[in-house]
C-alpha atoms as a PDB file:
ATOM      1  CA  UNK A   1      94.906 164.039 115.106  1.00  0.00           C
ATOM      2  CA  UNK A   2      93.267 167.292 116.161  1.00  0.00           C
ATOM      3  CA  UNK A   3      93.034 169.854 113.391  1.00  0.00           C
ATOM      4  CA  UNK A   4      91.089 172.817 112.065  1.00  0.00           C
ATOM      5  CA  UNK A   5      89.711 172.938 108.529  1.00  0.00           C
ATOM      6  CA  UNK A   6      87.216 174.640 106.238  1.00  0.00           C
ATOM      7  CA  UNK A   7      85.231 173.367 103.268  1.00  0.00           C
ATOM      8  CA  UNK A   8      84.104 176.721 101.847  1.00  0.00           C
ATOM      9  CA  UNK A   9      85.184 180.337 102.001  1.00  0.00           C
ATOM     10  CA  UNK A  10      83.548 182.625 104.526  1.00  0.00           C
ATOM     11  CA  UNK A  11      83.737 184.258 107.964  1.00  0.00           C
ATOM     12  CA  UNK A  12      85.898 182.448 110.504  1.00  0.00           C
ATOM     13  CA  UNK A  13      83.019 181.749 112.873  1.00  0.00           C
ATOM     14  CA  UNK A  14      81.013 180.150 110.073  1.00  0.00           C
ATOM     15  CA  UNK A  15      83.502 177.998 108.199  1.00  0.00           C
ATOM     16  CA  UNK A  16      86.310 176.934 110.568  1.00  0.00           C
ATOM     17  CA  UNK A  17      85.789 173.520 112.161  1.00  0.00           C
ATOM     18  CA  UNK A  18      87.834 172.001 114.992  1.00  0.00           C
ATOM     19  CA  UNK A  19      87.865 168.223 115.212  1.00  0.00           C
ATOM     20  CA  UNK A  20      89.625 164.985 114.309  1.00  0.00           C
ATOM     21  CA  UNK A  21      91.303 164.227 110.984  1.00  0.00           C
ATOM     22  CA  UNK A  22      93.460 161.342 109.836  1.00  0.00           C
ATOM     23  CA  UNK A  23      97.121 161.695 110.712  1.00  0.00           C
ATOM     24  CA  UNK A  24      99.178 162.224 107.521  1.00  0.00           C
ATOM     25  CA  UNK A  25     101.998 159.893 106.541  1.00  0.00           C
ATOM     26  CA  UNK A  26     105.251 161.124 104.979  1.00  0.00           C
ATOM     27  CA  UNK A  27     105.719 160.169 101.350  1.00  0.00           C
ATOM     28  CA  UNK A  28     108.947 159.920  99.388  1.00  0.00           C
ATOM     29  CA  UNK A  29     111.173 162.893 100.159  1.00  0.00           C
ATOM     30  CA  UNK A  30     108.893 164.085 102.969  1.00  0.00           C
ATOM     31  CA  UNK A  31     109.054 164.463 106.734  1.00  0.00           C
ATOM     32  CA  UNK A  32     106.287 164.215 109.307  1.00  0.00           C
ATOM     33  CA  UNK A  33     106.356 167.136 111.737  1.00  0.00           C
ATOM     34  CA  UNK A  34     104.557 167.031 115.070  1.00  0.00           C
ATOM     35  CA  UNK A  35     103.622 170.682 115.343  1.00  0.00           C
ATOM     36  CA  UNK A  36     103.954 172.661 118.553  1.00  0.00           C
ATOM     37  CA  UNK A  37     102.871 176.049 117.166  1.00  0.00           C
ATOM     38  CA  UNK A  38     101.168 177.515 114.097  1.00  0.00           C
ATOM     39  CA  UNK A  39     101.509 181.108 112.920  1.00  0.00           C
ATOM     40  CA  UNK A  40      98.623 183.067 111.387  1.00  0.00           C
ATOM     41  CA  UNK A  41      99.436 185.495 108.591  1.00  0.00           C
ATOM     42  CA  UNK A  42      97.134 187.995 106.858  1.00  0.00           C
ATOM     43  CA  UNK A  43      97.311 185.840 103.732  1.00  0.00           C
ATOM     44  CA  UNK A  44      95.880 182.898 105.691  1.00  0.00           C
ATOM     45  CA  UNK A  45      92.769 184.782 106.772  1.00  0.00           C
ATOM     46  CA  UNK A  46      92.312 186.403 103.356  1.00  0.00           C
ATOM     47  CA  UNK A  47      92.415 183.022 101.653  1.00  0.00           C
ATOM     48  CA  UNK A  48      89.954 181.508 104.135  1.00  0.00           C
ATOM     49  CA  UNK A  49      87.633 184.473 103.620  1.00  0.00           C
ATOM     50  CA  UNK A  50      87.781 184.176  99.826  1.00  0.00           C
ATOM     51  CA  UNK A  51      89.130 187.723  99.533  1.00  0.00           C
ATOM     52  CA  UNK A  52      91.643 187.008  96.789  1.00  0.00           C
ATOM     53  CA  UNK A  53      90.407 187.916  93.289  1.00  0.00           C
ATOM     54  CA  UNK A  54      89.116 184.850  91.462  1.00  0.00           C
ATOM     55  CA  UNK A  55      89.523 182.653  94.523  1.00  0.00           C
ATOM     56  CA  UNK A  56      88.043 179.172  94.244  1.00  0.00           C
ATOM     57  CA  UNK A  57      88.221 176.198  96.589  1.00  0.00           C
ATOM     58  CA  UNK A  58      90.934 174.099  94.980  1.00  0.00           C
ATOM     59  CA  UNK A  59      90.414 171.257  97.437  1.00  0.00           C
ATOM     60  CA  UNK A  60      87.279 169.853  99.100  1.00  0.00           C
ATOM     61  CA  UNK A  61      88.823 170.496 102.497  1.00  0.00           C
ATOM     62  CA  UNK A  62      91.630 172.842 103.583  1.00  0.00           C
ATOM     63  CA  UNK A  63      93.671 172.854 106.790  1.00  0.00           C
ATOM     64  CA  UNK A  64      94.978 176.454 106.819  1.00  0.00           C
ATOM     65  CA  UNK A  65      98.268 178.190 107.656  1.00  0.00           C
ATOM     66  CA  UNK A  66     101.646 178.111 105.968  1.00  0.00           C
ATOM     67  CA  UNK A  67     103.916 178.641 108.950  1.00  0.00           C
ATOM     68  CA  UNK A  68     104.551 176.421 111.945  1.00  0.00           C
ATOM     69  CA  UNK A  69     107.188 174.780 114.103  1.00  0.00           C
ATOM     70  CA  UNK A  70     107.682 171.456 115.807  1.00  0.00           C
ATOM     71  CA  UNK A  71     109.664 168.215 115.881  1.00  0.00           C
ATOM     72  CA  UNK A  72     110.283 165.799 113.024  1.00  0.00           C
ATOM     73  CA  UNK A  73     108.709 162.545 114.156  1.00  0.00           C
ATOM     74  CA  UNK A  74     109.149 160.394 111.042  1.00  0.00           C
ATOM     75  CA  UNK A  75     110.646 160.530 107.550  1.00  0.00           C
ATOM     76  CA  UNK A  76     109.599 159.087 104.219  1.00  0.00           C
ATOM     77  CA  UNK A  77     111.699 157.122 101.719  1.00  0.00           C
ATOM     78  CA  UNK A  78     114.782 158.986 100.572  1.00  0.00           C
ATOM     79  CA  UNK A  79     115.104 161.193 103.649  1.00  0.00           C
ATOM     80  CA  UNK A  80     117.971 160.845 106.114  1.00  0.00           C
ATOM     81  CA  UNK A  81     116.607 159.060 109.217  1.00  0.00           C
ATOM     82  CA  UNK A  82     118.934 161.272 111.239  1.00  0.00           C
ATOM     83  CA  UNK A  83     116.412 164.075 110.778  1.00  0.00           C
ATOM     84  CA  UNK A  84     114.047 162.421 113.257  1.00  0.00           C
ATOM     85  CA  UNK A  85     113.950 164.488 116.425  1.00  0.00           C
ATOM     86  CA  UNK A  86     115.089 167.735 114.801  1.00  0.00           C
ATOM     87  CA  UNK A  87     113.434 170.990 115.886  1.00  0.00           C
ATOM     88  CA  UNK A  88     112.211 172.690 112.720  1.00  0.00           C
ATOM     89  CA  UNK A  89     110.160 175.545 111.278  1.00  0.00           C
ATOM     90  CA  UNK A  90     108.039 175.056 108.178  1.00  0.00           C
ATOM     91  CA  UNK A  91     107.324 177.171 105.120  1.00  0.00           C
ATOM     92  CA  UNK A  92     104.767 177.030 102.302  1.00  0.00           C
ATOM     93  CA  UNK A  93     102.954 174.225 104.111  1.00  0.00           C
ATOM     94  CA  UNK A  94      99.576 175.255 102.669  1.00  0.00           C
ATOM     95  CA  UNK A  95     100.782 176.701  99.355  1.00  0.00           C
ATOM     96  CA  UNK A  96      99.076 174.742  96.563  1.00  0.00           C
ATOM     97  CA  UNK A  97      98.473 171.978  99.096  1.00  0.00           C
ATOM     98  CA  UNK A  98      95.328 171.184 101.104  1.00  0.00           C
ATOM     99  CA  UNK A  99      96.971 170.568 104.468  1.00  0.00           C
ATOM    100  CA  UNK A 100      98.710 173.346 106.418  1.00  0.00           C
ATOM    101  CA  UNK A 101      99.914 173.765 109.980  1.00  0.00           C
ATOM    102  CA  UNK A 102      96.635 174.266 111.876  1.00  0.00           C
ATOM    103  CA  UNK A 103      96.895 170.659 113.044  1.00  0.00           C
ATOM    104  CA  UNK A 104      98.876 168.380 115.316  1.00  0.00           C
ATOM    105  CA  UNK A 105     100.825 166.982 112.351  1.00  0.00           C
ATOM    106  CA  UNK A 106     101.868 168.015 108.863  1.00  0.00           C
ATOM    107  CA  UNK A 107     103.703 166.008 106.210  1.00  0.00           C
ATOM    108  CA  UNK A 108     105.663 168.062 103.690  1.00  0.00           C
ATOM    109  CA  UNK A 109     108.828 167.963 101.557  1.00  0.00           C
ATOM    110  CA  UNK A 110     111.939 167.636 103.671  1.00  0.00           C
ATOM    111  CA  UNK A 111     113.475 170.943 102.517  1.00  0.00           C
ATOM    112  CA  UNK A 112     110.361 172.794 103.729  1.00  0.00           C
ATOM    113  CA  UNK A 113     111.223 171.848 107.314  1.00  0.00           C
ATOM    114  CA  UNK A 114     114.261 173.903 108.329  1.00  0.00           C
ATOM    115  CA  UNK A 115     116.309 172.908 111.361  1.00  0.00           C
ATOM    116  CA  UNK A 116     116.591 175.666 113.958  1.00  0.00           C
ATOM    117  CA  UNK A 117     118.813 176.439 116.958  1.00  0.00           C
ATOM    118  CA  UNK A 118     117.753 175.180 120.382  1.00  0.00           C
ATOM    119  CA  UNK A 119     117.631 178.776 121.645  1.00  0.00           C
ATOM    120  CA  UNK A 120     114.591 179.538 119.452  1.00  0.00           C
ATOM    121  CA  UNK A 121     111.132 178.758 120.830  1.00  0.00           C
ATOM    122  CA  UNK A 122     108.453 177.039 118.769  1.00  0.00           C
ATOM    123  CA  UNK A 123     106.276 180.144 119.063  1.00  0.00           C
ATOM    124  CA  UNK A 124     109.022 182.325 117.627  1.00  0.00           C
ATOM    125  CA  UNK A 125     109.781 179.871 114.845  1.00  0.00           C
ATOM    126  CA  UNK A 126     106.130 179.841 113.773  1.00  0.00           C
ATOM    127  CA  UNK A 127     106.670 183.459 112.639  1.00  0.00           C
ATOM    128  CA  UNK A 128     109.478 182.804 110.162  1.00  0.00           C
ATOM    129  CA  UNK A 129     108.035 181.265 106.998  1.00  0.00           C
ATOM    130  CA  UNK A 130     106.195 184.178 105.398  1.00  0.00           C
ATOM    131  CA  UNK A 131     107.207 187.311 107.348  1.00  0.00           C
ATOM    132  CA  UNK A 132     110.921 186.685 107.898  1.00  0.00           C
ATOM    133  CA  UNK A 133     111.573 185.269 104.445  1.00  0.00           C
ATOM    134  CA  UNK A 134     109.605 188.074 102.767  1.00  0.00           C
ATOM    135  CA  UNK A 135     111.715 190.573 104.689  1.00  0.00           C
ATOM    136  CA  UNK A 136     114.988 188.860 103.773  1.00  0.00           C
ATOM    137  CA  UNK A 137     114.044 188.727 100.088  1.00  0.00           C
ATOM    138  CA  UNK A 138     112.953 192.359  99.984  1.00  0.00           C
ATOM    139  CA  UNK A 139     116.148 193.568 101.656  1.00  0.00           C
ATOM    140  CA  UNK A 140     118.730 191.429  99.863  1.00  0.00           C
ATOM    141  CA  UNK A 141     117.179 190.623  96.485  1.00  0.00           C
ATOM    142  CA  UNK A 142     119.449 193.188  94.812  1.00  0.00           C
ATOM    143  CA  UNK A 143     122.593 192.195  96.655  1.00  0.00           C
ATOM    144  CA  UNK A 144     124.382 193.330  99.824  1.00  0.00           C
ATOM    145  CA  UNK A 145     123.220 196.465 101.618  1.00  0.00           C
ATOM    146  CA  UNK A 146     126.400 197.358 103.511  1.00  0.00           C
ATOM    147  CA  UNK A 147     126.931 201.108 103.403  1.00  0.00           C
ATOM    148  CA  UNK A 148     123.550 201.734 101.776  1.00  0.00           C
ATOM    149  CA  UNK A 149     120.476 203.550 103.069  1.00  0.00           C
ATOM    150  CA  UNK A 150     117.275 201.504 103.167  1.00  0.00           C
ATOM    151  CA  UNK A 151     113.780 202.894 103.672  1.00  0.00           C
ATOM    152  CA  UNK A 152     111.285 200.430 105.157  1.00  0.00           C
ATOM    153  CA  UNK A 153     107.686 201.630 104.889  1.00  0.00           C
ATOM    154  CA  UNK A 154     105.335 200.359 107.578  1.00  0.00           C
ATOM    155  CA  UNK A 155     108.079 199.340 109.966  1.00  0.00           C
ATOM    156  CA  UNK A 156     105.647 198.289 112.691  1.00  0.00           C
ATOM    157  CA  UNK A 157     104.296 195.465 110.535  1.00  0.00           C
ATOM    158  CA  UNK A 158     105.687 191.984 110.972  1.00  0.00           C
ATOM    159  CA  UNK A 159     107.557 191.992 107.657  1.00  0.00           C
ATOM    160  CA  UNK A 160     108.741 195.564 108.159  1.00  0.00           C
ATOM    161  CA  UNK A 161     110.020 194.819 111.658  1.00  0.00           C
ATOM    162  CA  UNK A 162     112.112 191.908 110.395  1.00  0.00           C
ATOM    163  CA  UNK A 163     113.299 193.931 107.385  1.00  0.00           C
ATOM    164  CA  UNK A 164     114.586 196.708 109.655  1.00  0.00           C
ATOM    165  CA  UNK A 165     116.580 194.254 111.744  1.00  0.00           C
ATOM    166  CA  UNK A 166     117.964 192.355 108.746  1.00  0.00           C
ATOM    167  CA  UNK A 167     118.987 195.488 106.846  1.00  0.00           C
ATOM    168  CA  UNK A 168     120.867 196.736 109.905  1.00  0.00           C
ATOM    169  CA  UNK A 169     122.519 193.336 110.319  1.00  0.00           C
ATOM    170  CA  UNK A 170     123.569 193.685 106.683  1.00  0.00           C
ATOM    171  CA  UNK A 171     125.330 196.947 107.454  1.00  0.00           C
ATOM    172  CA  UNK A 172     122.743 199.423 106.155  1.00  0.00           C
ATOM    173  CA  UNK A 173     121.418 202.646 107.586  1.00  0.00           C
ATOM    174  CA  UNK A 174     117.665 202.130 108.020  1.00  0.00           C
ATOM    175  CA  UNK A 175     114.837 204.658 108.100  1.00  0.00           C
ATOM    176  CA  UNK A 176     111.230 203.607 108.575  1.00  0.00           C
ATOM    177  CA  UNK A 177     107.785 205.167 108.350  1.00  0.00           C
ATOM    178  CA  UNK A 178     105.183 204.528 111.057  1.00  0.00           C
ATOM    179  CA  UNK A 179     102.004 206.178 112.335  1.00  0.00           C
ATOM    180  CA  UNK A 180     102.887 206.632 116.019  1.00  0.00           C
ATOM    181  CA  UNK A 181     105.699 206.665 118.546  1.00  0.00           C
ATOM    182  CA  UNK A 182     104.376 203.376 119.946  1.00  0.00           C
ATOM    183  CA  UNK A 183     104.727 201.731 116.556  1.00  0.00           C
ATOM    184  CA  UNK A 184     108.177 203.247 116.115  1.00  0.00           C
ATOM    185  CA  UNK A 185     109.309 201.601 119.344  1.00  0.00           C
ATOM    186  CA  UNK A 186     107.806 198.292 118.252  1.00  0.00           C
ATOM    187  CA  UNK A 187     109.582 198.476 114.894  1.00  0.00           C
ATOM    188  CA  UNK A 188     113.075 198.433 116.523  1.00  0.00           C
ATOM    189  CA  UNK A 189     114.164 201.255 114.172  1.00  0.00           C
ATOM    190  CA  UNK A 190     116.632 203.883 115.354  1.00  0.00           C
ATOM    191  CA  UNK A 191     115.467 206.418 112.762  1.00  0.00           C
ATOM    192  CA  UNK A 192     111.794 206.857 112.000  1.00  0.00           C
ATOM    193  CA  UNK A 193     109.221 209.221 110.522  1.00  0.00           C
ATOM    194  CA  UNK A 194     105.584 209.610 111.499  1.00  0.00           C
ATOM    195  CA  UNK A 195     103.980 209.756 108.045  1.00  0.00           C
ATOM    196  CA  UNK A 196     100.950 211.495 109.526  1.00  0.00           C
ATOM    197  CA  UNK A 197     103.075 214.496 110.499  1.00  0.00           C
ATOM    198  CA  UNK A 198     103.837 216.396 107.324  1.00  0.00           C
ATOM    199  CA  UNK A 199     105.408 215.107 104.099  1.00  0.00           C
ATOM    200  CA  UNK A 200     107.378 211.880 104.664  1.00  0.00           C
ATOM    201  CA  UNK A 201     109.343 212.354 101.428  1.00  0.00           C
ATOM    202  CA  UNK A 202     110.596 215.734 102.602  1.00  0.00           C
ATOM    203  CA  UNK A 203     111.511 214.210 105.944  1.00  0.00           C
ATOM    204  CA  UNK A 204     113.509 211.413 104.290  1.00  0.00           C
ATOM    205  CA  UNK A 205     115.377 213.884 102.081  1.00  0.00           C
ATOM    206  CA  UNK A 206     116.150 216.070 105.071  1.00  0.00           C
ATOM    207  CA  UNK A 207     117.465 213.093 107.046  1.00  0.00           C
ATOM    208  CA  UNK A 208     119.694 212.044 104.133  1.00  0.00           C
ATOM    209  CA  UNK A 209     120.995 215.516 103.282  1.00  0.00           C
ATOM    210  CA  UNK A 210     119.004 215.496 100.052  1.00  0.00           C
ATOM    211  CA  UNK A 211     120.619 212.278  98.804  1.00  0.00           C
ATOM    212  CA  UNK A 212     117.635 209.963  99.230  1.00  0.00           C
ATOM    213  CA  UNK A 213     117.757 206.206  99.718  1.00  0.00           C
ATOM    214  CA  UNK A 214     119.295 203.294  97.841  1.00  0.00           C
ATOM    215  CA  UNK A 215     116.499 200.809  98.447  1.00  0.00           C
ATOM    216  CA  UNK A 216     112.921 200.744  99.584  1.00  0.00           C
ATOM    217  CA  UNK A 217     111.117 197.817 101.215  1.00  0.00           C
ATOM    218  CA  UNK A 218     107.494 198.718 100.527  1.00  0.00           C
ATOM    219  CA  UNK A 219     104.325 197.527 102.254  1.00  0.00           C
ATOM    220  CA  UNK A 220     101.901 199.391  99.921  1.00  0.00           C
ATOM    221  CA  UNK A 221     103.189 200.269  96.467  1.00  0.00           C
ATOM    222  CA  UNK A 222     100.149 202.287  95.365  1.00  0.00           C
ATOM    223  CA  UNK A 223     100.023 204.392  98.514  1.00  0.00           C
ATOM    224  CA  UNK A 224     103.769 205.051  98.537  1.00  0.00           C
ATOM    225  CA  UNK A 225     104.595 205.357  94.830  1.00  0.00           C
ATOM    226  CA  UNK A 226     104.762 209.177  94.776  1.00  0.00           C
ATOM    227  CA  UNK A 227     106.974 209.272  97.859  1.00  0.00           C
ATOM    228  CA  UNK A 228     109.209 206.546  96.468  1.00  0.00           C
ATOM    229  CA  UNK A 229     109.820 208.517  93.281  1.00  0.00           C
ATOM    230  CA  UNK A 230     110.949 211.522  95.297  1.00  0.00           C
ATOM    231  CA  UNK A 231     113.361 209.700  97.603  1.00  0.00           C
ATOM    232  CA  UNK A 232     114.811 206.803  95.598  1.00  0.00           C
ATOM    233  CA  UNK A 233     118.295 207.427  94.238  1.00  0.00           C
ATOM    234  CA  UNK A 234     119.075 206.945  90.536  1.00  0.00           C
ATOM    235  CA  UNK A 235     119.825 203.273  90.070  1.00  0.00           C
ATOM    236  CA  UNK A 236     117.994 202.374  93.271  1.00  0.00           C
ATOM    237  CA  UNK A 237     115.639 199.441  93.836  1.00  0.00           C
ATOM    238  CA  UNK A 238     112.144 199.105  95.276  1.00  0.00           C
ATOM    239  CA  UNK A 239     110.894 195.758  96.563  1.00  0.00           C
ATOM    240  CA  UNK A 240     107.117 195.848  97.068  1.00  0.00           C
ATOM    241  CA  UNK A 241     105.361 192.940  98.734  1.00  0.00           C
ATOM    242  CA  UNK A 242     101.841 194.410  98.792  1.00  0.00           C
ATOM    243  CA  UNK A 243      99.602 197.115  97.330  1.00  0.00           C
ATOM    244  CA  UNK A 244      96.517 196.849  99.481  1.00  0.00           C
ATOM    245  CA  UNK A 245      95.251 200.398  98.950  1.00  0.00           C
ATOM    246  CA  UNK A 246      94.945 199.769  95.206  1.00  0.00           C
ATOM    247  CA  UNK A 247      95.435 196.353  93.638  1.00  0.00           C
ATOM    248  CA  UNK A 248      96.098 197.689  90.124  1.00  0.00           C
ATOM    249  CA  UNK A 249      97.842 201.050  90.558  1.00  0.00           C
ATOM    250  CA  UNK A 250      98.764 203.218  87.591  1.00  0.00           C
ATOM    251  CA  UNK A 251     102.532 202.987  87.226  1.00  0.00           C
ATOM    252  CA  UNK A 252     104.551 206.192  86.785  1.00  0.00           C
ATOM    253  CA  UNK A 253     106.674 204.437  84.200  1.00  0.00           C
ATOM    254  CA  UNK A 254     108.770 207.244  82.726  1.00  0.00           C
ATOM    255  CA  UNK A 255     109.633 208.937  86.038  1.00  0.00           C
ATOM    256  CA  UNK A 256     110.915 205.579  87.290  1.00  0.00           C
ATOM    257  CA  UNK A 257     112.665 204.871  84.000  1.00  0.00           C
ATOM    258  CA  UNK A 258     114.547 208.172  83.974  1.00  0.00           C
ATOM    259  CA  UNK A 259     115.880 207.358  87.445  1.00  0.00           C
ATOM    260  CA  UNK A 260     116.893 203.888  86.237  1.00  0.00           C
ATOM    261  CA  UNK A 261     114.959 202.341  89.111  1.00  0.00           C
ATOM    262  CA  UNK A 262     114.480 198.603  89.523  1.00  0.00           C
ATOM    263  CA  UNK A 263     111.003 197.544  90.666  1.00  0.00           C
ATOM    264  CA  UNK A 264     110.427 194.154  92.230  1.00  0.00           C
ATOM    265  CA  UNK A 265     106.986 192.767  93.009  1.00  0.00           C
ATOM    266  CA  UNK A 266     107.634 189.779  95.220  1.00  0.00           C
ATOM    267  CA  UNK A 267     105.757 186.989  96.919  1.00  0.00           C
ATOM    268  CA  UNK A 268     107.545 184.542  99.138  1.00  0.00           C
ATOM    269  CA  UNK A 269     105.488 181.567  97.916  1.00  0.00           C
ATOM    270  CA  UNK A 270     107.213 181.774  94.534  1.00  0.00           C
ATOM    271  CA  UNK A 271     110.812 181.898  95.774  1.00  0.00           C
ATOM    272  CA  UNK A 272     112.957 179.307  94.067  1.00  0.00           C
ATOM    273  CA  UNK A 273     114.421 176.654  96.318  1.00  0.00           C
ATOM    274  CA  UNK A 274     118.024 177.889  96.083  1.00  0.00           C
ATOM    275  CA  UNK A 275     117.100 181.481  96.991  1.00  0.00           C
ATOM    276  CA  UNK A 276     114.984 180.314  99.905  1.00  0.00           C
ATOM    277  CA  UNK A 277     117.853 178.157 101.136  1.00  0.00           C
ATOM    278  CA  UNK A 278     120.200 181.168 101.134  1.00  0.00           C
ATOM    279  CA  UNK A 279     117.692 183.194 103.118  1.00  0.00           C
ATOM    280  CA  UNK A 280     117.095 180.366 105.562  1.00  0.00           C
ATOM    281  CA  UNK A 281     120.851 180.018 106.078  1.00  0.00           C
ATOM    282  CA  UNK A 282     121.186 183.721 106.949  1.00  0.00           C
ATOM    283  CA  UNK A 283     118.203 183.471 109.268  1.00  0.00           C
ATOM    284  CA  UNK A 284     119.682 180.429 110.983  1.00  0.00           C
ATOM    285  CA  UNK A 285     122.995 182.218 111.577  1.00  0.00           C
ATOM    286  CA  UNK A 286     121.271 185.289 113.065  1.00  0.00           C
ATOM    287  CA  UNK A 287     119.072 183.102 115.250  1.00  0.00           C
ATOM    288  CA  UNK A 288     122.046 181.127 116.543  1.00  0.00           C
ATOM    289  CA  UNK A 289     123.750 184.412 117.428  1.00  0.00           C
ATOM    290  CA  UNK A 290     120.594 185.761 119.101  1.00  0.00           C
ATOM    291  CA  UNK A 291     120.562 188.806 116.833  1.00  0.00           C
ATOM    292  CA  UNK A 292     116.864 188.870 115.874  1.00  0.00           C
ATOM    293  CA  UNK A 293     113.899 189.746 118.054  1.00  0.00           C
ATOM    294  CA  UNK A 294     110.418 188.423 117.356  1.00  0.00           C
ATOM    295  CA  UNK A 295     106.955 189.842 117.915  1.00  0.00           C
ATOM    296  CA  UNK A 296     104.855 186.873 119.031  1.00  0.00           C
ATOM    297  CA  UNK A 297     101.215 187.492 119.924  1.00  0.00           C
ATOM    298  CA  UNK A 298      99.885 184.466 121.906  1.00  0.00           C
ATOM    299  CA  UNK A 299      96.492 183.511 120.519  1.00  0.00           C
ATOM    300  CA  UNK A 300      95.610 180.447 122.599  1.00  0.00           C
ATOM    301  CA  UNK A 301      95.270 176.951 121.176  1.00  0.00           C
ATOM    302  CA  UNK A 302      93.692 175.449 118.062  1.00  0.00           C
ATOM    303  CA  UNK A 303      90.309 175.672 119.797  1.00  0.00           C
ATOM    304  CA  UNK A 304      90.728 179.472 119.812  1.00  0.00           C
ATOM    305  CA  UNK A 305      91.378 179.754 116.088  1.00  0.00           C
ATOM    306  CA  UNK A 306      88.183 181.680 115.265  1.00  0.00           C
ATOM    307  CA  UNK A 307      89.026 184.529 117.640  1.00  0.00           C
ATOM    308  CA  UNK A 308      92.627 184.438 116.462  1.00  0.00           C
ATOM    309  CA  UNK A 309      91.615 184.785 112.790  1.00  0.00           C
ATOM    310  CA  UNK A 310      89.273 187.620 113.673  1.00  0.00           C
ATOM    311  CA  UNK A 311      92.071 189.343 115.565  1.00  0.00           C
ATOM    312  CA  UNK A 312      94.320 189.201 112.519  1.00  0.00           C
ATOM    313  CA  UNK A 313      91.540 190.504 110.267  1.00  0.00           C
ATOM    314  CA  UNK A 314      90.877 193.541 112.435  1.00  0.00           C
ATOM    315  CA  UNK A 315      94.573 194.371 112.675  1.00  0.00           C
ATOM    316  CA  UNK A 316      94.248 194.688 116.455  1.00  0.00           C
ATOM    317  CA  UNK A 317      97.761 193.441 117.131  1.00  0.00           C
ATOM    318  CA  UNK A 318     101.417 194.249 116.583  1.00  0.00           C
ATOM    319  CA  UNK A 319     103.169 191.031 115.639  1.00  0.00           C
ATOM    320  CA  UNK A 320     102.242 187.538 114.516  1.00  0.00           C
ATOM    321  CA  UNK A 321      99.363 185.745 116.194  1.00  0.00           C
ATOM    322  CA  UNK A 322     100.539 182.256 117.159  1.00  0.00           C
ATOM    323  CA  UNK A 323      98.511 179.309 118.409  1.00  0.00           C
ATOM    324  CA  UNK A 324      99.994 176.587 120.622  1.00  0.00           C
ATOM    325  CA  UNK A 325      99.313 173.003 119.633  1.00  0.00           C
END
């Protein structure tokens, strides 16, 4: 099969190799997916670049990318043969495994290939694994949001964009922060604040009549901690999925404690199977009803993976860069 791999960390143009690898075979409890698209997430390029603290090559050779979509072509022992032919999206394909979705085929546990409605394209489905499930977890980890006010920071990001849509589908009022009117439009939010124009905390309080927000879906905990303290209601919850501006921020413990705030630091790779299944079920229902929009950035084919990785690294895109296979 055609695939892309790397054998050491480094710049995309130095370490990514396109060529032929052996086609995997599904083991017990696994399915073999013939991939039609692979999604590239920031975590994929950071891992390939060795940017994570203490990163080491756990395997001699790594086929990157967690997310993808395609057709189940074969099943291993213990898997219902009726799954053959299903259109599916994958998750955690490259998490603690050497072979991800930057290839024509991937073999992975059956539950990590989720059946999807016929109305969803393979390109769209290649965006779900990390971004959509991170958004769902951040929004609903503390229960239903109907009647609540949710603040989504960085609403133009892929996770933020999904979080805005999902929170609204859950019955919440949603406010987001962005850096331009263009990004506000991309985010799909009806209510937004340009955080470069004045104090975003004051703007949130003004929009909520001084009440603040019940929940925050946060793209950068360190950068937004002071604002969060000002706008979160007593008993509210903050779900942070990144803290890029400062990896080890100083926590304002007592101010949060005296507001009885719940803080969640989450990573979708560590979701337990039952929680992931609940999120995937909600996602499937919304997809079947056509209630989610997706921000696909076509990146070419596997042969174009170097430029695609570089595009993700520079942030010169709104959406998820997807390669056709």
